[in-house]
Amino acid sequence: MTDRSAFGDAFAALPFERQLREFLADVEHPPQDFPTWLVFRIKQRIDDLPSEVRQALLWRIRGRRRGPWRQLKRRLAAFECERRSGDFAWP
């Protein structure tokens, strides 16, 4: 078993909140080094995530991305834009 598959197995065994914390805290590896199923788990729970976590995710996946990570970045940005525009009230 390679180190990569061992990491994936250990990472998959963690609860979602811990996976998210580990992903946000890891500055040594780019997002594409993480399993793509994490993207889908984040998308499933995007409505329940606090705004600070969504913003931290946007910061973590900044830059040019492809595939699922790009889709997640766009979804997070759209979600934050929708949320902010809902907070604005005309006088």
Protein backbone atom coordinates (compact mmCIF):
# COMPACT_ATOMS: atom_id res chain seq x y z
CA MET A 1 0.00 0.00 0.00
CA THR A 2 1.35 3.41 -0.94
CA ASP A 3 1.51 6.39 1.37
CA ARG A 4 -1.14 8.09 -0.76
CA SER A 5 -3.66 5.28 -0.41
CA ALA A 6 -2.88 4.96 3.31
CA PHE A 7 -3.57 8.68 3.69
CA GLY A 8 -6.83 8.35 1.76
CA ASP A 9 -7.99 5.45 3.93
CA ALA A 10 -7.12 7.24 7.17
CA PHE A 11 -8.69 10.48 5.94
CA ALA A 12 -11.90 8.70 4.91
CA ALA A 13 -12.26 7.23 8.40
CA LEU A 14 -12.39 10.69 10.00
CA PRO A 15 -15.70 12.47 10.69
CA PHE A 16 -16.58 15.22 8.21
CA GLU A 17 -15.81 18.09 10.61
CA ARG A 18 -12.33 16.70 11.23
CA GLN A 19 -11.76 16.17 7.49
CA LEU A 20 -12.67 19.79 6.91
CA ARG A 21 -10.34 21.00 9.67
CA GLU A 22 -7.48 18.86 8.32
CA PHE A 23 -8.06 20.14 4.78
CA LEU A 24 -8.12 23.79 5.85
CA ALA A 25 -5.06 23.43 8.08
CA ASP A 26 -2.86 21.61 5.54
CA VAL A 27 -0.76 24.24 3.77
CA GLU A 28 1.81 21.76 2.42
CA HIS A 29 -0.47 20.02 -0.08
CA PRO A 30 -2.60 21.62 -2.80
CA PRO A 31 -6.33 20.84 -2.81
CA GLN A 32 -5.99 18.40 -5.70
CA ASP A 33 -3.88 16.15 -3.44
CA PHE A 34 -7.02 15.48 -1.40
CA PRO A 35 -9.69 12.98 -2.48
CA THR A 36 -12.27 14.48 -4.82
CA TRP A 37 -15.09 12.91 -2.81
CA LEU A 38 -14.35 15.62 -0.21
CA VAL A 39 -15.66 18.18 -2.72
CA PHE A 40 -18.98 16.37 -2.94
CA ARG A 41 -19.25 16.06 0.84
CA ILE A 42 -18.63 19.81 1.19
CA LYS A 43 -21.24 20.58 -1.49
CA GLN A 44 -23.81 18.43 0.33
CA ARG A 45 -23.31 20.45 3.52
CA ILE A 46 -22.63 23.89 2.06
CA ASP A 47 -25.88 25.34 3.47
CA ASP A 48 -24.98 24.25 7.00
CA LEU A 49 -21.42 25.60 7.01
CA PRO A 50 -20.78 28.86 8.84
CA SER A 51 -19.82 31.80 6.64
CA GLU A 52 -16.30 31.85 8.13
CA VAL A 53 -15.75 28.24 7.05
CA ARG A 54 -17.03 28.94 3.52
CA GLN A 55 -14.69 31.91 3.27
CA ALA A 56 -11.78 29.82 4.58
CA LEU A 57 -12.57 27.19 1.93
CA LEU A 58 -12.58 29.86 -0.77
CA TRP A 59 -9.20 31.07 0.46
CA ARG A 60 -7.84 27.51 0.57
CA ILE A 61 -8.86 26.71 -3.02
CA ARG A 62 -7.97 30.11 -4.48
CA GLY A 63 -6.11 30.26 -7.75
CA ARG A 64 -6.64 28.27 -10.93
CA ARG A 65 -8.41 24.98 -10.32
CA ARG A 66 -9.83 22.32 -12.58
CA GLY A 67 -12.57 19.77 -12.29
CA PRO A 68 -14.45 19.33 -9.02
CA TRP A 69 -12.31 21.85 -7.13
CA ARG A 70 -13.14 24.54 -9.68
CA GLN A 71 -16.83 23.71 -9.42
CA LEU A 72 -16.65 23.93 -5.63
CA LYS A 73 -14.88 27.28 -5.79
CA ARG A 74 -17.58 28.66 -8.10
CA ARG A 75 -20.36 27.26 -5.90
CA LEU A 76 -18.83 28.75 -2.74
CA ALA A 77 -18.36 32.13 -4.42
CA ALA A 78 -21.95 32.12 -5.69
CA PHE A 79 -23.25 31.10 -2.27
CA GLU A 80 -21.36 33.91 -0.55
CA CYS A 81 -22.54 36.41 -3.18
CA GLU A 82 -26.17 35.33 -2.71
CA ARG A 83 -25.87 35.55 1.04
CA ARG A 84 -24.34 39.01 0.94
CA SER A 85 -26.85 40.39 -1.53
CA GLY A 86 -29.66 39.12 0.72
CA ASP A 87 -28.21 41.10 3.62
CA PHE A 88 -28.39 44.36 1.67
CA ALA A 89 -31.53 46.41 2.23
CA TRP A 90 -32.54 49.40 0.17
CA PRO A 91 -33.38 52.51 2.18
